[in-house]
Amino acid sequence: MSQLYDLSEVAQNNGKSGKPCWLIIKGNVYDVTNFLAEHPGGGDALLEYGGKDASKAFKQAGHSSDAERDLKNYKIGELRPVEAAPIQIQPQSTGTKGPDTITSSPEPAKKSSGFLCCC
């Protein structure tokens, strides 16, 4: 099983102030600190996404299959899935009216203002 990381933990490792540079790509966490100097697009391109999800940028850059294969060498784990908070349904108390409840009798139709139709 792969190491799981929280988003906040990845965000702390943004490559600034001597910290490692971690990226998220397709739910996987990569430590690219030792690749910064070797990256063909320059280390700044990686640092821009340090501690963040770089999936879209990685895809848009048009990386080769070799680059995708080499990326595996820097994988340190996976992003921990965020669990949704349970939804709590509050029952309606008795005696309350729902949104479709008619509260009074409909208003009677108003008489016309004297327009006469001869059709």
N, C-alpha and C. Protein backbone atom coordinates (compact mmCIF):
# COMPACT_ATOMS: atom_id res chain seq x y z
N MET A 1 0.84 -1.18 0.00
CA MET A 1 0.00 0.00 0.00
C MET A 1 0.88 1.25 0.00
N SER A 2 0.46 2.23 -0.71
CA SER A 2 1.20 3.47 -0.86
C SER A 2 0.95 4.39 0.33
N GLN A 3 1.93 5.24 0.63
CA GLN A 3 1.79 6.25 1.68
C GLN A 3 0.69 7.23 1.29
N LEU A 4 -0.17 7.60 2.23
CA LEU A 4 -1.24 8.56 1.97
C LEU A 4 -0.90 9.90 2.62
N TYR A 5 -1.15 10.97 1.87
CA TYR A 5 -0.87 12.33 2.34
C TYR A 5 -2.13 13.18 2.29
N ASP A 6 -2.29 14.03 3.28
CA ASP A 6 -3.38 15.00 3.28
C ASP A 6 -2.98 16.18 2.40
N LEU A 7 -3.97 16.85 1.84
CA LEU A 7 -3.73 18.02 1.00
C LEU A 7 -2.95 19.08 1.76
N SER A 8 -3.25 19.27 3.04
CA SER A 8 -2.54 20.28 3.84
C SER A 8 -1.06 19.92 4.00
N GLU A 9 -0.76 18.63 4.09
CA GLU A 9 0.63 18.19 4.21
C GLU A 9 1.40 18.46 2.92
N VAL A 10 0.76 18.21 1.79
CA VAL A 10 1.40 18.48 0.50
C VAL A 10 1.62 19.98 0.35
N ALA A 11 0.63 20.77 0.74
CA ALA A 11 0.71 22.23 0.61
C ALA A 11 1.91 22.80 1.38
N GLN A 12 2.27 22.19 2.49
CA GLN A 12 3.41 22.66 3.29
C GLN A 12 4.74 22.43 2.56
N ASN A 13 4.78 21.43 1.69
CA ASN A 13 6.01 21.09 0.97
C ASN A 13 5.96 21.72 -0.42
N ASN A 14 6.07 23.04 -0.43
CA ASN A 14 5.89 23.82 -1.65
C ASN A 14 7.20 24.27 -2.30
N GLY A 15 8.33 23.81 -1.78
CA GLY A 15 9.63 24.16 -2.35
C GLY A 15 10.16 25.51 -1.90
N LYS A 16 9.48 26.17 -1.00
CA LYS A 16 9.91 27.48 -0.51
C LYS A 16 10.58 27.36 0.85
N SER A 17 11.47 28.28 1.13
CA SER A 17 12.17 28.34 2.43
C SER A 17 12.87 27.04 2.76
N GLY A 18 13.48 26.41 1.76
CA GLY A 18 14.25 25.19 1.97
C GLY A 18 13.43 23.92 2.12
N LYS A 19 12.12 24.04 1.93
CA LYS A 19 11.27 22.85 2.04
C LYS A 19 11.30 22.07 0.72
N PRO A 20 11.00 20.76 0.79
CA PRO A 20 10.94 19.97 -0.44
C PRO A 20 9.83 20.48 -1.36
N CYS A 21 9.91 20.13 -2.62
CA CYS A 21 8.90 20.52 -3.59
C CYS A 21 8.09 19.28 -3.97
N TRP A 22 6.86 19.24 -3.47
CA TRP A 22 5.95 18.13 -3.78
C TRP A 22 4.87 18.63 -4.73
N LEU A 23 4.46 17.76 -5.64
CA LEU A 23 3.38 18.05 -6.58
C LEU A 23 2.35 16.94 -6.52
N ILE A 24 1.14 17.28 -6.89
CA ILE A 24 0.09 16.28 -7.04
C ILE A 24 -0.21 16.18 -8.54
N ILE A 25 -0.17 14.98 -9.06
CA ILE A 25 -0.53 14.74 -10.46
C ILE A 25 -1.41 13.49 -10.47
N LYS A 26 -2.63 13.69 -10.91
CA LYS A 26 -3.62 12.60 -11.01
C LYS A 26 -3.76 11.83 -9.70
N GLY A 27 -3.80 12.57 -8.58
CA GLY A 27 -4.03 11.96 -7.28
C GLY A 27 -2.79 11.34 -6.64
N ASN A 28 -1.67 11.37 -7.34
CA ASN A 28 -0.41 10.86 -6.80
C ASN A 28 0.45 12.02 -6.33
N VAL A 29 1.26 11.78 -5.30
CA VAL A 29 2.14 12.80 -4.73
C VAL A 29 3.58 12.49 -5.15
N TYR A 30 4.24 13.51 -5.69
CA TYR A 30 5.61 13.35 -6.17
C TYR A 30 6.52 14.36 -5.48
N ASP A 31 7.70 13.90 -5.05
CA ASP A 31 8.73 14.78 -4.51
C ASP A 31 9.70 15.05 -5.65
N VAL A 32 9.60 16.22 -6.25
CA VAL A 32 10.43 16.56 -7.41
C VAL A 32 11.61 17.46 -7.04
N THR A 33 11.92 17.54 -5.76
CA THR A 33 12.99 18.40 -5.27
C THR A 33 14.30 18.14 -6.01
N ASN A 34 14.68 16.88 -6.17
CA ASN A 34 15.95 16.54 -6.80
C ASN A 34 15.89 16.62 -8.32
N PHE A 35 14.72 16.91 -8.87
CA PHE A 35 14.57 17.01 -10.32
C PHE A 35 14.50 18.45 -10.80
N LEU A 36 14.43 19.40 -9.87
CA LEU A 36 14.28 20.82 -10.24
C LEU A 36 15.36 21.28 -11.22
N ALA A 37 16.62 20.94 -10.96
CA ALA A 37 17.72 21.38 -11.80
C ALA A 37 17.74 20.67 -13.16
N GLU A 38 17.15 19.49 -13.22
CA GLU A 38 17.17 18.69 -14.45
C GLU A 38 15.94 18.90 -15.33
N HIS A 39 14.89 19.50 -14.80
CA HIS A 39 13.64 19.63 -15.56
C HIS A 39 13.88 20.44 -16.84
N PRO A 40 13.53 19.86 -18.00
CA PRO A 40 13.77 20.57 -19.27
C PRO A 40 13.09 21.94 -19.36
N GLY A 41 11.97 22.10 -18.68
CA GLY A 41 11.27 23.39 -18.68
C GLY A 41 11.76 24.33 -17.60
N GLY A 42 12.75 23.93 -16.85
CA GLY A 42 13.30 24.74 -15.76
C GLY A 42 12.62 24.42 -14.44
N GLY A 43 13.36 24.62 -13.38
CA GLY A 43 12.86 24.34 -12.04
C GLY A 43 11.70 25.23 -11.64
N ASP A 44 11.68 26.46 -12.18
CA ASP A 44 10.59 27.39 -11.84
C ASP A 44 9.23 26.86 -12.28
N ALA A 45 9.22 26.12 -13.37
CA ALA A 45 7.95 25.55 -13.85
C ALA A 45 7.38 24.57 -12.82
N LEU A 46 8.26 23.86 -12.15
CA LEU A 46 7.81 22.92 -11.10
C LEU A 46 7.48 23.67 -9.82
N LEU A 47 8.31 24.64 -9.46
CA LEU A 47 8.08 25.39 -8.23
C LEU A 47 6.76 26.16 -8.25
N GLU A 48 6.33 26.54 -9.44
CA GLU A 48 5.05 27.24 -9.57
C GLU A 48 3.90 26.40 -9.02
N TYR A 49 4.03 25.09 -9.12
CA TYR A 49 2.98 24.19 -8.65
C TYR A 49 3.38 23.45 -7.37
N GLY A 50 4.46 23.89 -6.74
CA GLY A 50 4.89 23.27 -5.50
C GLY A 50 3.79 23.28 -4.46
N GLY A 51 3.48 22.11 -3.90
CA GLY A 51 2.45 21.99 -2.88
C GLY A 51 1.03 22.00 -3.44
N LYS A 52 0.89 21.96 -4.77
CA LYS A 52 -0.42 22.06 -5.40
C LYS A 52 -0.66 20.92 -6.38
N ASP A 53 -1.88 20.90 -6.92
CA ASP A 53 -2.23 19.94 -7.95
C ASP A 53 -1.76 20.46 -9.30
N ALA A 54 -0.86 19.73 -9.92
CA ALA A 54 -0.29 20.12 -11.21
C ALA A 54 -0.81 19.25 -12.34
N SER A 55 -1.88 18.52 -12.12
CA SER A 55 -2.40 17.58 -13.12
C SER A 55 -2.70 18.26 -14.45
N LYS A 56 -3.41 19.36 -14.41
CA LYS A 56 -3.81 20.05 -15.64
C LYS A 56 -2.59 20.59 -16.38
N ALA A 57 -1.67 21.20 -15.65
CA ALA A 57 -0.46 21.75 -16.26
C ALA A 57 0.40 20.64 -16.87
N PHE A 58 0.48 19.51 -16.18
CA PHE A 58 1.27 18.39 -16.69
C PHE A 58 0.68 17.88 -18.00
N LYS A 59 -0.62 17.77 -18.04
CA LYS A 59 -1.28 17.29 -19.25
C LYS A 59 -1.13 18.29 -20.39
N GLN A 60 -1.33 19.57 -20.10
CA GLN A 60 -1.26 20.61 -21.13
C GLN A 60 0.16 20.79 -21.68
N ALA A 61 1.17 20.43 -20.91
CA ALA A 61 2.55 20.58 -21.37
C ALA A 61 2.91 19.55 -22.44
N GLY A 62 2.07 18.55 -22.61
CA GLY A 62 2.32 17.55 -23.64
C GLY A 62 3.54 16.69 -23.37
N HIS A 63 3.67 16.23 -22.15
CA HIS A 63 4.82 15.39 -21.79
C HIS A 63 4.82 14.09 -22.59
N SER A 64 6.01 13.64 -22.90
CA SER A 64 6.18 12.38 -23.65
C SER A 64 5.88 11.19 -22.76
N SER A 65 5.77 10.03 -23.37
CA SER A 65 5.56 8.81 -22.58
C SER A 65 6.78 8.53 -21.72
N ASP A 66 7.97 8.95 -22.19
CA ASP A 66 9.19 8.79 -21.37
C ASP A 66 9.09 9.64 -20.10
N ALA A 67 8.58 10.86 -20.25
CA ALA A 67 8.44 11.74 -19.08
C ALA A 67 7.44 11.14 -18.08
N GLU A 68 6.36 10.58 -18.61
CA GLU A 68 5.37 9.96 -17.72
C GLU A 68 5.97 8.74 -17.02
N ARG A 69 6.79 7.99 -17.72
CA ARG A 69 7.44 6.82 -17.13
C ARG A 69 8.43 7.27 -16.05
N ASP A 70 9.24 8.31 -16.36
CA ASP A 70 10.23 8.80 -15.42
C ASP A 70 9.60 9.41 -14.17
N LEU A 71 8.40 9.95 -14.31
CA LEU A 71 7.70 10.56 -13.18
C LEU A 71 7.51 9.56 -12.05
N LYS A 72 7.36 8.30 -12.40
CA LYS A 72 7.15 7.25 -11.39
C LYS A 72 8.31 7.18 -10.40
N ASN A 73 9.50 7.58 -10.84
CA ASN A 73 10.68 7.55 -9.96
C ASN A 73 10.57 8.54 -8.80
N TYR A 74 9.69 9.52 -8.94
CA TYR A 74 9.57 10.56 -7.91
C TYR A 74 8.31 10.41 -7.05
N LYS A 75 7.55 9.38 -7.31
CA LYS A 75 6.31 9.16 -6.55
C LYS A 75 6.64 8.76 -5.12
N ILE A 76 6.01 9.48 -4.18
CA ILE A 76 6.20 9.16 -2.76
C ILE A 76 4.91 8.67 -2.11
N GLY A 77 3.80 8.79 -2.80
CA GLY A 77 2.54 8.34 -2.23
C GLY A 77 1.35 8.83 -3.02
N GLU A 78 0.22 8.82 -2.35
CA GLU A 78 -1.03 9.24 -2.97
C GLU A 78 -1.75 10.24 -2.07
N LEU A 79 -2.58 11.03 -2.70
CA LEU A 79 -3.38 11.99 -1.95
C LEU A 79 -4.49 11.25 -1.22
N ARG A 80 -4.64 11.53 0.06
CA ARG A 80 -5.68 10.88 0.85
C ARG A 80 -7.04 11.39 0.36
N PRO A 81 -7.96 10.47 0.06
CA PRO A 81 -9.29 10.92 -0.38
C PRO A 81 -9.98 11.73 0.71
N VAL A 82 -10.65 12.77 0.30
CA VAL A 82 -11.40 13.61 1.24
C VAL A 82 -12.75 12.96 1.44
N GLU A 83 -13.07 12.71 2.69
CA GLU A 83 -14.36 12.11 3.00
C GLU A 83 -15.38 13.21 3.19
N ALA A 84 -16.50 13.03 2.53
CA ALA A 84 -17.58 14.00 2.66
C ALA A 84 -18.21 13.88 4.04
N ALA A 85 -18.60 15.00 4.58
CA ALA A 85 -19.29 15.00 5.86
C ALA A 85 -20.66 14.36 5.67
N PRO A 86 -21.11 13.58 6.62
CA PRO A 86 -22.42 12.95 6.47
C PRO A 86 -23.54 13.99 6.41
N ILE A 87 -24.49 13.73 5.57
CA ILE A 87 -25.64 14.64 5.42
C ILE A 87 -26.65 14.30 6.49
N GLN A 88 -27.09 15.31 7.20
CA GLN A 88 -28.09 15.10 8.24
C GLN A 88 -29.41 15.66 7.75
N ILE A 89 -30.40 14.80 7.69
CA ILE A 89 -31.73 15.22 7.25
C ILE A 89 -32.56 15.51 8.48
N GLN A 90 -33.08 16.72 8.53
CA GLN A 90 -33.91 17.12 9.65
C GLN A 90 -35.37 16.85 9.30
N PRO A 91 -36.03 15.99 10.07
CA PRO A 91 -37.44 15.73 9.78
C PRO A 91 -38.28 16.98 10.06
N GLN A 92 -39.32 17.15 9.26
CA GLN A 92 -40.22 18.28 9.51
C GLN A 92 -41.06 17.96 10.72
N SER A 93 -41.24 18.96 11.56
CA SER A 93 -42.08 18.73 12.73
C SER A 93 -43.53 18.70 12.29
N THR A 94 -44.34 17.99 13.04
CA THR A 94 -45.75 17.88 12.68
C THR A 94 -46.43 19.22 12.82
N GLY A 95 -47.35 19.49 11.96
CA GLY A 95 -48.09 20.73 12.01
C GLY A 95 -47.50 21.82 11.14
N THR A 96 -46.31 21.58 10.60
CA THR A 96 -45.74 22.59 9.71
C THR A 96 -46.18 22.29 8.30
N LYS A 97 -46.20 23.31 7.52
CA LYS A 97 -46.65 23.16 6.15
C LYS A 97 -45.44 23.06 5.25
N GLY A 98 -45.47 22.12 4.32
CA GLY A 98 -44.39 21.95 3.36
C GLY A 98 -44.51 22.99 2.27
N PRO A 99 -43.57 23.00 1.35
CA PRO A 99 -43.58 24.02 0.30
C PRO A 99 -44.75 23.89 -0.68
N ASP A 100 -45.37 22.72 -0.74
CA ASP A 100 -46.48 22.53 -1.67
C ASP A 100 -47.85 22.64 -1.00
N THR A 101 -47.86 23.00 0.25
CA THR A 101 -49.11 23.10 0.98
C THR A 101 -49.83 24.39 0.63
N ILE A 102 -51.12 24.29 0.34
CA ILE A 102 -51.93 25.48 0.08
C ILE A 102 -52.38 26.02 1.42
N THR A 103 -52.08 27.29 1.67
CA THR A 103 -52.36 27.86 2.98
C THR A 103 -53.72 28.54 3.07
N SER A 104 -54.28 28.91 1.95
CA SER A 104 -55.60 29.53 1.97
C SER A 104 -56.28 29.22 0.65
N SER A 105 -57.56 29.51 0.61
CA SER A 105 -58.27 29.24 -0.63
C SER A 105 -57.79 30.20 -1.70
N PRO A 106 -57.76 29.75 -2.95
CA PRO A 106 -57.27 30.62 -4.01
C PRO A 106 -58.12 31.88 -4.13
N GLU A 107 -57.48 32.94 -4.58
CA GLU A 107 -58.16 34.22 -4.76
C GLU A 107 -59.15 34.10 -5.93
N PRO A 108 -60.38 34.61 -5.76
CA PRO A 108 -61.33 34.51 -6.86
C PRO A 108 -60.89 35.35 -8.05
N ALA A 109 -61.30 34.91 -9.24
CA ALA A 109 -60.94 35.64 -10.45
C ALA A 109 -61.56 37.02 -10.42
N LYS A 110 -60.82 38.01 -10.88
CA LYS A 110 -61.32 39.38 -10.90
C LYS A 110 -62.11 39.60 -12.18
N LYS A 111 -63.10 40.45 -12.09
CA LYS A 111 -63.91 40.79 -13.25
C LYS A 111 -63.10 41.66 -14.19
N SER A 112 -63.40 41.54 -15.46
CA SER A 112 -62.67 42.34 -16.45
C SER A 112 -63.07 43.79 -16.31
N SER A 113 -62.30 44.65 -16.93
CA SER A 113 -62.52 46.09 -16.81
C SER A 113 -63.52 46.60 -17.84
N GLY A 114 -64.39 45.75 -18.34
CA GLY A 114 -65.41 46.21 -19.26
C GLY A 114 -65.09 45.95 -20.71
N PHE A 115 -64.00 45.25 -20.99
CA PHE A 115 -63.68 44.96 -22.38
C PHE A 115 -64.69 43.96 -22.90
N LEU A 116 -65.25 44.24 -24.04
CA LEU A 116 -66.26 43.40 -24.63
C LEU A 116 -65.68 42.71 -25.85
N CYS A 117 -65.82 41.43 -25.87
CA CYS A 117 -65.33 40.66 -27.00
C CYS A 117 -66.52 40.21 -27.81
N CYS A 118 -66.49 40.45 -29.11
CA CYS A 118 -67.64 40.09 -29.94
C CYS A 118 -67.27 38.99 -30.93
N CYS A 119 -66.36 38.14 -30.64
CA CYS A 119 -65.96 37.09 -31.55
C CYS A 119 -66.85 35.90 -31.45
